[in-house]
Amino acid sequence: MFYRTILLLICSNVFMTLAWYHHLKNENWPLWKAILLSWLIAFLEYCLAVPANRMGQKAGVNLFQLKITQEVITLAVFTVYAIAFANNAFHWKYLVSFLLMIGAVYFVFADIK
């Protein structure tokens, strides 16, 4: 069941990344147009994120675990977008940062007492 949550979170983060950053490629748009388009895209993100979080909670995942998982997914989706579509260079320090986030996922799910 948690795998469905992860899949929905990945899809929702694709929409959210587009909502947050795609308008930057169209700097000639008026601000109101960028905001409106971003909100319409964000609506689709919420249509996926809300069920994902409910499914995750029903699967026994607590809020801390959901949030840390969502943040790692956000960074992974953002990295693909930044490199493939926004033509930003990837630096080794970003990899180190991501590895630390994966460490956070490990610790939030670890059964440490």
Protein backbone atom coordinates (compact mmCIF):
# COMPACT_ATOMS: atom_id res chain seq x y z
CA MET A 1 0.00 0.00 0.00
CA PHE A 2 2.85 2.43 0.77
CA TYR A 3 4.18 1.97 -2.77
CA ARG A 4 1.01 3.55 -4.12
CA THR A 5 1.60 6.46 -1.79
CA ILE A 6 5.12 6.90 -3.17
CA LEU A 7 3.88 6.69 -6.76
CA LEU A 8 1.19 9.31 -6.12
CA LEU A 9 3.72 11.55 -4.35
CA ILE A 10 6.07 11.31 -7.32
CA CYS A 11 3.27 12.27 -9.71
CA SER A 12 2.08 15.10 -7.47
CA ASN A 13 5.62 16.45 -7.20
CA VAL A 14 5.98 16.53 -10.98
CA PHE A 15 2.95 18.83 -11.09
CA MET A 16 4.18 20.93 -8.18
CA THR A 17 7.63 21.37 -9.68
CA LEU A 18 6.02 22.55 -12.89
CA ALA A 19 3.76 24.90 -10.94
CA TRP A 20 6.66 26.41 -9.02
CA TYR A 21 9.31 26.68 -11.72
CA HIS A 22 7.99 26.31 -15.28
CA HIS A 23 6.79 29.90 -15.47
CA LEU A 24 10.42 31.01 -15.09
CA LYS A 25 11.02 29.89 -18.68
CA ASN A 26 8.36 32.39 -19.77
CA GLU A 27 9.62 35.60 -18.20
CA ASN A 28 7.59 37.69 -20.63
CA TRP A 29 4.31 36.46 -19.12
CA PRO A 30 2.56 38.95 -16.88
CA LEU A 31 2.75 37.93 -13.22
CA TRP A 32 -1.01 37.33 -12.97
CA LYS A 33 -0.80 34.79 -15.80
CA ALA A 34 2.10 32.94 -14.15
CA ILE A 35 0.20 32.85 -10.84
CA LEU A 36 -3.03 31.64 -12.42
CA LEU A 37 -1.34 28.91 -14.43
CA SER A 38 0.68 27.83 -11.39
CA TRP A 39 -2.47 27.57 -9.27
CA LEU A 40 -4.23 25.49 -11.92
CA ILE A 41 -1.27 23.11 -12.06
CA ALA A 42 -1.07 23.04 -8.24
CA PHE A 43 -4.72 21.96 -8.12
CA LEU A 44 -3.72 18.79 -9.97
CA GLU A 45 -0.89 18.29 -7.50
CA TYR A 46 -3.30 18.46 -4.58
CA CYS A 47 -5.62 15.97 -6.28
CA LEU A 48 -2.75 13.47 -6.04
CA ALA A 49 -1.01 14.53 -2.82
CA VAL A 50 -4.07 14.42 -0.58
CA PRO A 51 -4.99 10.81 -1.46
CA ALA A 52 -1.30 9.84 -1.24
CA ASN A 53 -1.08 11.12 2.33
CA ARG A 54 -4.33 9.44 3.32
CA MET A 55 -3.16 6.13 1.84
CA GLY A 56 0.16 6.47 3.60
CA GLN A 57 -1.50 7.10 6.94
CA LYS A 58 -3.82 4.12 6.43
CA ALA A 59 -0.74 2.02 5.68
CA GLY A 60 0.63 2.90 9.11
CA VAL A 61 3.07 5.62 8.08
CA ASN A 62 3.18 8.52 10.55
CA LEU A 63 3.29 12.20 9.60
CA PHE A 64 7.04 12.55 10.12
CA GLN A 65 7.68 9.59 7.85
CA LEU A 66 5.31 10.95 5.20
CA LYS A 67 6.92 14.38 5.25
CA ILE A 68 10.51 13.16 5.05
CA THR A 69 9.57 10.78 2.23
CA GLN A 70 7.80 13.59 0.39
CA GLU A 71 10.80 15.91 0.72
CA VAL A 72 13.19 13.35 -0.74
CA ILE A 73 10.80 12.75 -3.63
CA THR A 74 10.53 16.51 -4.14
CA LEU A 75 14.32 16.83 -4.38
CA ALA A 76 14.59 13.92 -6.80
CA VAL A 77 11.87 15.31 -9.09
CA PHE A 78 13.34 18.81 -8.84
CA THR A 79 16.81 17.52 -9.74
CA VAL A 80 15.52 15.90 -12.92
CA TYR A 81 13.66 19.09 -13.82
CA ALA A 82 16.59 21.41 -13.04
CA ILE A 83 19.06 19.37 -15.09
CA ALA A 84 16.89 18.18 -17.98
CA PHE A 85 14.55 21.10 -18.52
CA ALA A 86 16.09 24.17 -16.86
CA ASN A 87 19.66 23.35 -17.96
CA ASN A 88 21.20 23.82 -14.51
CA ALA A 89 24.49 22.14 -13.74
CA PHE A 90 24.65 19.48 -11.03
CA HIS A 91 27.38 19.98 -8.42
CA TRP A 92 28.82 17.31 -6.11
CA LYS A 93 27.62 19.24 -3.04
CA TYR A 94 24.02 18.62 -4.16
CA LEU A 95 24.72 14.89 -4.18
CA VAL A 96 26.08 15.10 -0.63
CA SER A 97 22.97 17.02 0.43
CA PHE A 98 20.71 14.39 -1.12
CA LEU A 99 22.61 11.57 0.57
CA LEU A 100 22.05 13.31 3.90
CA MET A 101 18.33 13.49 3.10
CA ILE A 102 18.32 9.76 2.34
CA GLY A 103 19.95 9.32 5.74
CA ALA A 104 16.99 11.24 7.19
CA VAL A 105 14.63 8.77 5.53
CA TYR A 106 16.56 5.89 7.03
CA PHE A 107 16.41 7.34 10.54
CA VAL A 108 12.75 8.31 10.38
CA PHE A 109 11.80 4.74 9.41
CA ALA A 110 14.38 2.95 11.62
CA ASP A 111 13.08 1.07 14.63
CA ILE A 112 15.39 2.78 17.11
CA LYS A 113 14.28 2.99 20.72
